[in-house]
Amino acid sequence: MSGVKNKSEPNDGYLAVRTIIELTKSYDMLEDVLGRHFARFGLSQPKFNALIQLRQAGERGLALSELGERMLVSRANITGLIDRLERDSLVFREADPRDRRIFRAKLTTKATNLLEDILPIHTVFTREAMSGLSPDEKNLLIELLQKLRRGMKNI
């Protein structure tokens, strides 16, 4: 018999369930830890993620639809998120000069300064959070999570 396991083996069902349970526990813990981490700066994880995406986009900013795609967030949710970031004076909307029907979100100076303060602290935090894994294990985990996402796209 070859070393390849048949997907219908009884053990595979157990392993699939256990994998989902471990992923869920890890996600819940990560969400809690990140929530507390970002709360120190008056942010939520979605707000921080949006600010990072806008920072990476540069001065041109991002159309709200593009920001939503990058963050895997629905149009309604991205609109609410941008509304909250605007209320916090961290982003502003500007009509796209090529298509005035499209609004682009851009960072304010306040957001740029906030990110400059946060990113060094966040880098140390993420390094500490992942310190239980070696560099090889981190790379393997990245590969496995990417493979898992690819496999779930058609479900």
C-alpha atoms as a PDB file:
ATOM      1  CA  MET A   1       0.000   0.000   0.000  1.00  0.00           C
ATOM      2  CA  SER A   2       1.315   3.472  -0.843  1.00  0.00           C
ATOM      3  CA  GLY A   3       1.972   6.218   1.708  1.00  0.00           C
ATOM      4  CA  VAL A   4      -0.896   8.303   0.289  1.00  0.00           C
ATOM      5  CA  LYS A   5      -3.894   8.352   2.602  1.00  0.00           C
ATOM      6  CA  ASN A   6      -7.362   7.870   1.210  1.00  0.00           C
ATOM      7  CA  LYS A   7      -9.612  10.839   2.042  1.00  0.00           C
ATOM      8  CA  SER A   8     -12.332   8.449   3.115  1.00  0.00           C
ATOM      9  CA  GLU A   9     -10.248   6.874   5.897  1.00  0.00           C
ATOM     10  CA  PRO A  10     -12.087   7.077   9.242  1.00  0.00           C
ATOM     11  CA  ASN A  11      -9.155   8.935  10.801  1.00  0.00           C
ATOM     12  CA  ASP A  12      -9.400  11.701   8.187  1.00  0.00           C
ATOM     13  CA  GLY A  13     -12.823  12.807   9.425  1.00  0.00           C
ATOM     14  CA  TYR A  14     -11.533  13.032  12.976  1.00  0.00           C
ATOM     15  CA  LEU A  15      -8.442  14.945  11.836  1.00  0.00           C
ATOM     16  CA  ALA A  16     -10.551  17.340   9.769  1.00  0.00           C
ATOM     17  CA  VAL A  17     -12.773  18.111  12.760  1.00  0.00           C
ATOM     18  CA  ARG A  18      -9.792  18.452  15.099  1.00  0.00           C
ATOM     19  CA  THR A  19      -8.055  20.764  12.624  1.00  0.00           C
ATOM     20  CA  ILE A  20     -11.117  23.016  12.423  1.00  0.00           C
ATOM     21  CA  ILE A  21     -11.383  23.061  16.226  1.00  0.00           C
ATOM     22  CA  GLU A  22      -7.702  24.019  16.613  1.00  0.00           C
ATOM     23  CA  LEU A  23      -7.983  26.696  13.917  1.00  0.00           C
ATOM     24  CA  THR A  24     -11.099  28.100  15.582  1.00  0.00           C
ATOM     25  CA  LYS A  25      -9.455  28.176  19.015  1.00  0.00           C
ATOM     26  CA  SER A  26      -6.378  29.870  17.551  1.00  0.00           C
ATOM     27  CA  TYR A  27      -8.493  32.395  15.638  1.00  0.00           C
ATOM     28  CA  ASP A  28     -10.570  33.227  18.728  1.00  0.00           C
ATOM     29  CA  MET A  29      -7.440  33.699  20.823  1.00  0.00           C
ATOM     30  CA  LEU A  30      -5.746  35.790  18.135  1.00  0.00           C
ATOM     31  CA  GLU A  31      -8.847  37.958  17.735  1.00  0.00           C
ATOM     32  CA  ASP A  32      -8.948  38.558  21.507  1.00  0.00           C
ATOM     33  CA  VAL A  33      -5.226  39.337  21.771  1.00  0.00           C
ATOM     34  CA  LEU A  34      -5.279  41.636  18.728  1.00  0.00           C
ATOM     35  CA  GLY A  35      -8.439  43.345  19.946  1.00  0.00           C
ATOM     36  CA  ARG A  36      -6.750  44.258  23.231  1.00  0.00           C
ATOM     37  CA  HIS A  37      -3.564  45.264  21.396  1.00  0.00           C
ATOM     38  CA  PHE A  38      -5.326  47.654  19.001  1.00  0.00           C
ATOM     39  CA  ALA A  39      -7.640  49.021  21.707  1.00  0.00           C
ATOM     40  CA  ARG A  40      -4.547  50.588  23.319  1.00  0.00           C
ATOM     41  CA  PHE A  41      -4.422  52.852  20.269  1.00  0.00           C
ATOM     42  CA  GLY A  42      -8.167  53.475  20.032  1.00  0.00           C
ATOM     43  CA  LEU A  43      -8.506  51.125  17.061  1.00  0.00           C
ATOM     44  CA  SER A  44     -10.175  47.856  16.211  1.00  0.00           C
ATOM     45  CA  GLN A  45      -8.514  45.223  14.069  1.00  0.00           C
ATOM     46  CA  PRO A  46     -10.674  46.109  11.003  1.00  0.00           C
ATOM     47  CA  LYS A  47      -9.818  49.797  11.416  1.00  0.00           C
ATOM     48  CA  PHE A  48      -6.112  48.994  11.640  1.00  0.00           C
ATOM     49  CA  ASN A  49      -6.306  46.701   8.610  1.00  0.00           C
ATOM     50  CA  ALA A  50      -8.065  49.405   6.576  1.00  0.00           C
ATOM     51  CA  LEU A  51      -5.449  51.974   7.558  1.00  0.00           C
ATOM     52  CA  ILE A  52      -2.654  49.601   6.548  1.00  0.00           C
ATOM     53  CA  GLN A  53      -4.292  48.939   3.164  1.00  0.00           C
ATOM     54  CA  LEU A  54      -4.682  52.687   2.571  1.00  0.00           C
ATOM     55  CA  ARG A  55      -1.083  53.309   3.625  1.00  0.00           C
ATOM     56  CA  GLN A  56       0.128  50.707   1.143  1.00  0.00           C
ATOM     57  CA  ALA A  57      -1.983  52.324  -1.595  1.00  0.00           C
ATOM     58  CA  GLY A  58      -0.185  55.639  -1.170  1.00  0.00           C
ATOM     59  CA  GLU A  59      -1.466  59.116  -1.969  1.00  0.00           C
ATOM     60  CA  ARG A  60      -3.958  57.900  -4.552  1.00  0.00           C
ATOM     61  CA  GLY A  61      -5.915  56.032  -1.881  1.00  0.00           C
ATOM     62  CA  LEU A  62      -8.323  53.232  -2.739  1.00  0.00           C
ATOM     63  CA  ALA A  63     -11.795  53.063  -4.171  1.00  0.00           C
ATOM     64  CA  LEU A  64     -14.112  51.764  -1.472  1.00  0.00           C
ATOM     65  CA  SER A  65     -14.887  48.700  -3.584  1.00  0.00           C
ATOM     66  CA  GLU A  66     -11.175  47.915  -3.953  1.00  0.00           C
ATOM     67  CA  LEU A  67     -10.588  48.363  -0.229  1.00  0.00           C
ATOM     68  CA  GLY A  68     -13.479  45.990   0.457  1.00  0.00           C
ATOM     69  CA  GLU A  69     -12.015  43.385  -1.911  1.00  0.00           C
ATOM     70  CA  ARG A  70      -8.585  43.617  -0.299  1.00  0.00           C
ATOM     71  CA  MET A  71     -10.093  43.205   3.157  1.00  0.00           C
ATOM     72  CA  LEU A  72     -12.657  40.575   2.088  1.00  0.00           C
ATOM     73  CA  VAL A  73     -15.444  42.804   3.416  1.00  0.00           C
ATOM     74  CA  SER A  74     -18.871  43.488   1.898  1.00  0.00           C
ATOM     75  CA  ARG A  75     -19.739  46.857   0.402  1.00  0.00           C
ATOM     76  CA  ALA A  76     -22.080  47.681   3.305  1.00  0.00           C
ATOM     77  CA  ASN A  77     -19.436  46.786   5.887  1.00  0.00           C
ATOM     78  CA  ILE A  78     -16.686  48.774   4.181  1.00  0.00           C
ATOM     79  CA  THR A  79     -18.953  51.825   4.002  1.00  0.00           C
ATOM     80  CA  GLY A  80     -19.646  51.591   7.743  1.00  0.00           C
ATOM     81  CA  LEU A  81     -15.963  51.081   8.497  1.00  0.00           C
ATOM     82  CA  ILE A  82     -14.969  54.137   6.443  1.00  0.00           C
ATOM     83  CA  ASP A  83     -17.757  56.147   8.119  1.00  0.00           C
ATOM     84  CA  ARG A  84     -16.254  55.300  11.525  1.00  0.00           C
ATOM     85  CA  LEU A  85     -12.711  56.102  10.369  1.00  0.00           C
ATOM     86  CA  GLU A  86     -13.956  59.444   9.016  1.00  0.00           C
ATOM     87  CA  ARG A  87     -15.607  60.228  12.372  1.00  0.00           C
ATOM     88  CA  ASP A  88     -12.231  59.499  13.993  1.00  0.00           C
ATOM     89  CA  SER A  89     -10.588  61.913  11.492  1.00  0.00           C
ATOM     90  CA  LEU A  90      -8.354  59.109  10.208  1.00  0.00           C
ATOM     91  CA  VAL A  91      -9.594  58.982   6.606  1.00  0.00           C
ATOM     92  CA  PHE A  92     -11.438  61.174   4.161  1.00  0.00           C
ATOM     93  CA  ARG A  93     -13.300  60.424   0.954  1.00  0.00           C
ATOM     94  CA  GLU A  94     -12.550  62.119  -2.304  1.00  0.00           C
ATOM     95  CA  ALA A  95     -14.265  61.752  -5.660  1.00  0.00           C
ATOM     96  CA  ASP A  96     -12.081  59.996  -8.221  1.00  0.00           C
ATOM     97  CA  PRO A  97     -11.007  62.639 -10.772  1.00  0.00           C
ATOM     98  CA  ARG A  98     -11.506  60.160 -13.643  1.00  0.00           C
ATOM     99  CA  ASP A  99     -14.916  58.913 -12.508  1.00  0.00           C
ATOM    100  CA  ARG A 100     -16.785  61.127 -10.073  1.00  0.00           C
ATOM    101  CA  ARG A 101     -19.172  58.269  -9.234  1.00  0.00           C
ATOM    102  CA  ILE A 102     -16.299  56.536  -7.459  1.00  0.00           C
ATOM    103  CA  PHE A 103     -15.067  57.703  -4.086  1.00  0.00           C
ATOM    104  CA  ARG A 104     -11.569  56.983  -2.916  1.00  0.00           C
ATOM    105  CA  ALA A 105     -10.597  56.684   0.742  1.00  0.00           C
ATOM    106  CA  LYS A 106      -7.365  58.366   1.751  1.00  0.00           C
ATOM    107  CA  LEU A 107      -5.414  58.688   4.974  1.00  0.00           C
ATOM    108  CA  THR A 108      -5.375  61.922   6.922  1.00  0.00           C
ATOM    109  CA  THR A 109      -2.195  63.297   8.450  1.00  0.00           C
ATOM    110  CA  LYS A 110      -3.543  62.152  11.821  1.00  0.00           C
ATOM    111  CA  ALA A 111      -3.736  58.557  10.533  1.00  0.00           C
ATOM    112  CA  THR A 112      -0.263  58.712   9.009  1.00  0.00           C
ATOM    113  CA  ASN A 113       1.172  59.942  12.311  1.00  0.00           C
ATOM    114  CA  LEU A 114      -0.772  57.320  14.274  1.00  0.00           C
ATOM    115  CA  LEU A 115       0.573  54.528  12.057  1.00  0.00           C
ATOM    116  CA  GLU A 116       4.126  55.835  12.446  1.00  0.00           C
ATOM    117  CA  ASP A 117       3.667  55.536  16.210  1.00  0.00           C
ATOM    118  CA  ILE A 118       1.915  52.145  16.129  1.00  0.00           C
ATOM    119  CA  LEU A 119       3.937  50.176  13.570  1.00  0.00           C
ATOM    120  CA  PRO A 120       7.166  49.788  15.590  1.00  0.00           C
ATOM    121  CA  ILE A 121       5.132  48.651  18.609  1.00  0.00           C
ATOM    122  CA  HIS A 122       3.018  46.371  16.427  1.00  0.00           C
ATOM    123  CA  THR A 123       6.134  44.801  14.913  1.00  0.00           C
ATOM    124  CA  VAL A 124       7.465  43.920  18.376  1.00  0.00           C
ATOM    125  CA  PHE A 125       4.023  42.630  19.387  1.00  0.00           C
ATOM    126  CA  THR A 126       3.690  40.351  16.344  1.00  0.00           C
ATOM    127  CA  ARG A 127       7.223  39.056  16.810  1.00  0.00           C
ATOM    128  CA  GLU A 128       6.397  38.170  20.425  1.00  0.00           C
ATOM    129  CA  ALA A 129       3.042  36.642  19.471  1.00  0.00           C
ATOM    130  CA  MET A 130       4.739  34.336  16.960  1.00  0.00           C
ATOM    131  CA  SER A 131       7.837  33.611  19.065  1.00  0.00           C
ATOM    132  CA  GLY A 132       6.706  30.040  19.731  1.00  0.00           C
ATOM    133  CA  LEU A 133       7.393  29.138  16.097  1.00  0.00           C
ATOM    134  CA  SER A 134      10.736  28.910  14.328  1.00  0.00           C
ATOM    135  CA  PRO A 135      11.170  30.743  11.008  1.00  0.00           C
ATOM    136  CA  ASP A 136      10.745  27.422   9.171  1.00  0.00           C
ATOM    137  CA  GLU A 137       7.552  26.686  11.104  1.00  0.00           C
ATOM    138  CA  LYS A 138       6.184  30.157  10.313  1.00  0.00           C
ATOM    139  CA  ASN A 139       6.859  29.606   6.611  1.00  0.00           C
ATOM    140  CA  LEU A 140       5.228  26.186   6.754  1.00  0.00           C
ATOM    141  CA  LEU A 141       2.193  27.598   8.563  1.00  0.00           C
ATOM    142  CA  ILE A 142       1.839  30.325   5.923  1.00  0.00           C
ATOM    143  CA  GLU A 143       2.005  27.723   3.146  1.00  0.00           C
ATOM    144  CA  LEU A 144      -0.524  25.456   4.855  1.00  0.00           C
ATOM    145  CA  LEU A 145      -2.984  28.281   5.530  1.00  0.00           C
ATOM    146  CA  GLN A 146      -2.722  29.460   1.915  1.00  0.00           C
ATOM    147  CA  LYS A 147      -3.323  25.900   0.729  1.00  0.00           C
ATOM    148  CA  LEU A 148      -6.328  25.592   3.045  1.00  0.00           C
ATOM    149  CA  ARG A 149      -7.838  28.834   1.684  1.00  0.00           C
ATOM    150  CA  ARG A 150      -7.326  27.686  -1.911  1.00  0.00           C
ATOM    151  CA  GLY A 151      -9.054  24.400  -1.099  1.00  0.00           C
ATOM    152  CA  MET A 152     -12.026  26.141   0.492  1.00  0.00           C
ATOM    153  CA  LYS A 153     -12.662  28.587  -2.366  1.00  0.00           C
ATOM    154  CA  ASN A 154     -14.970  26.174  -4.166  1.00  0.00           C
ATOM    155  CA  ILE A 155     -17.004  25.096  -1.154  1.00  0.00           C
END
